[in-house]
Amino acid sequence: MKVIAKLATVLAVVLLLGGSAVVDAAAKPAKGDKAAKKADRRGEVVKVDGTKLVISKDAKETTIETNEKTVVIVEDKEVKIADLKPGQKVRVSPETGVAEKIEVRAKKDAK
C-alpha cells in the first residue's frame, strides 16, 4: 500500500511539472516566429507603376503593393516610390502583404 501511495505522489508531481512546461512553451513565441517577422523580399527594381513596385529575382517578377505608410529609403534618405529606378537592388519588408519599408541596398565598394 505504501508503494502505491509513493507511486501516486511521484506521478502527480510529474504531471504537475509537465503541465507547467506546456504552459511555458505556449506563452513563448517559437524561434521561427521571430524569423518570419524579420523576413523580407529582395530583388532588382523592374519598374514603378503608380503605387506598385515590380521587382525581379531569379528571373521571376513580383508586384508589390505600397500605400501612403510605405517608407522608401535610398542612401539613408527617405524618398518617394517614384524615385526608384530600374536596376536598383531593394529589400522590401515584410515578406508578404503591403510593403511597410523599401530599402535600396548599398553598393559594395570596389577594392
Protein backbone atom coordinates (compact mmCIF):
# COMPACT_ATOMS: atom_id res chain seq x y z
CA MET A 1 0.00 0.00 0.00
CA LYS A 2 2.86 2.41 0.80
CA VAL A 3 4.44 1.70 -2.59
CA ILE A 4 1.21 2.60 -4.39
CA ALA A 5 0.94 5.85 -2.42
CA LYS A 6 4.54 6.78 -3.29
CA LEU A 7 3.97 5.98 -6.98
CA ALA A 8 0.81 8.09 -6.99
CA THR A 9 2.71 11.01 -5.42
CA VAL A 10 5.54 10.75 -7.95
CA LEU A 11 3.04 10.55 -10.81
CA ALA A 12 1.20 13.63 -9.52
CA VAL A 13 4.47 15.63 -9.31
CA VAL A 14 5.48 14.58 -12.83
CA LEU A 15 2.09 15.59 -14.21
CA LEU A 16 2.21 18.96 -12.46
CA LEU A 17 5.71 19.75 -13.73
CA GLY A 18 4.92 18.52 -17.21
CA GLY A 19 1.78 20.66 -17.34
CA SER A 20 3.68 23.82 -16.42
CA ALA A 21 6.21 23.14 -19.18
CA VAL A 22 3.37 23.02 -21.69
CA VAL A 23 2.03 26.35 -20.43
CA ASP A 24 5.53 27.92 -20.65
CA ALA A 25 6.01 26.67 -24.20
CA ALA A 26 2.66 28.11 -25.26
CA ALA A 27 3.44 31.51 -23.73
CA LYS A 28 6.77 31.95 -25.55
CA PRO A 29 6.85 32.57 -29.30
CA ALA A 30 8.71 29.96 -31.29
CA LYS A 31 12.12 30.89 -32.68
CA GLY A 32 10.74 30.50 -36.19
CA ASP A 33 8.14 33.21 -35.48
CA LYS A 34 10.85 35.84 -35.00
CA ALA A 35 12.46 34.87 -38.28
CA ALA A 36 9.12 35.13 -40.03
CA LYS A 37 8.57 38.67 -38.74
CA LYS A 38 12.02 39.74 -39.93
CA ALA A 39 11.75 38.04 -43.31
CA ASP A 40 11.77 40.25 -46.37
CA ARG A 41 11.68 40.18 -50.15
CA ARG A 42 14.75 41.08 -52.17
CA GLY A 43 15.22 41.78 -55.83
CA GLU A 44 16.00 44.27 -58.53
CA VAL A 45 13.61 47.06 -59.50
CA VAL A 46 11.97 46.41 -62.86
CA LYS A 47 9.53 49.33 -62.78
CA VAL A 48 7.32 51.51 -60.62
CA ASP A 49 3.70 51.70 -61.75
CA GLY A 50 1.86 54.24 -59.61
CA THR A 51 1.80 52.72 -56.11
CA LYS A 52 3.00 49.31 -57.31
CA LEU A 53 6.62 48.22 -57.38
CA VAL A 54 7.70 45.39 -59.67
CA ILE A 55 10.90 43.59 -58.69
CA SER A 56 12.69 40.63 -60.23
CA LYS A 57 14.72 37.86 -58.61
CA ASP A 58 15.90 34.67 -60.28
CA ALA A 59 14.01 35.63 -63.48
CA LYS A 60 10.71 35.81 -61.55
CA GLU A 61 8.84 39.12 -61.33
CA THR A 62 6.85 40.07 -58.24
CA THR A 63 4.45 43.02 -57.94
CA ILE A 64 4.48 44.66 -54.52
CA GLU A 65 1.66 46.84 -53.25
CA THR A 66 2.52 50.04 -51.38
CA ASN A 67 0.43 52.69 -49.62
CA GLU A 68 0.86 56.10 -48.01
CA LYS A 69 2.51 54.49 -44.97
CA THR A 70 5.23 52.74 -47.00
CA VAL A 71 8.68 54.19 -46.26
CA VAL A 72 11.22 54.23 -49.12
CA ILE A 73 14.90 54.69 -48.19
CA VAL A 74 17.72 55.35 -50.68
CA GLU A 75 21.21 56.01 -49.30
CA ASP A 76 19.85 56.75 -45.82
CA LYS A 77 17.36 59.33 -47.15
CA GLU A 78 13.60 58.97 -47.30
CA VAL A 79 12.34 59.35 -50.87
CA LYS A 80 9.15 58.69 -52.85
CA ILE A 81 8.46 55.38 -54.55
CA ALA A 82 8.62 57.21 -57.90
CA ASP A 83 12.32 57.92 -57.19
CA LEU A 84 13.20 54.23 -57.51
CA LYS A 85 14.99 53.37 -60.75
CA PRO A 86 15.15 50.13 -62.74
CA GLY A 87 18.20 48.08 -61.79
CA GLN A 88 18.38 49.19 -58.14
CA LYS A 89 18.63 46.32 -55.70
CA VAL A 90 15.97 46.56 -53.00
CA ARG A 91 14.89 44.89 -49.78
CA VAL A 92 11.16 45.03 -49.05
CA SER A 93 9.59 44.20 -45.71
CA PRO A 94 7.52 42.45 -44.63
CA GLU A 95 7.77 39.37 -46.82
CA THR A 96 4.04 39.35 -47.59
CA GLY A 97 1.28 41.91 -47.86
CA VAL A 98 1.59 45.67 -48.36
CA ALA A 99 5.17 46.93 -48.14
CA GLU A 100 5.98 48.83 -44.97
CA LYS A 101 9.59 49.60 -45.87
CA ILE A 102 11.58 49.54 -49.11
CA GLU A 103 15.35 50.00 -48.88
CA VAL A 104 17.81 50.32 -51.72
CA ARG A 105 20.73 48.10 -50.86
CA ALA A 106 24.02 49.97 -50.66
CA LYS A 107 26.51 49.26 -53.43
CA LYS A 108 29.63 47.46 -52.28
CA ASP A 109 32.83 49.45 -52.64
CA ALA A 110 35.16 48.20 -55.33
CA LYS A 111 38.54 47.14 -53.97
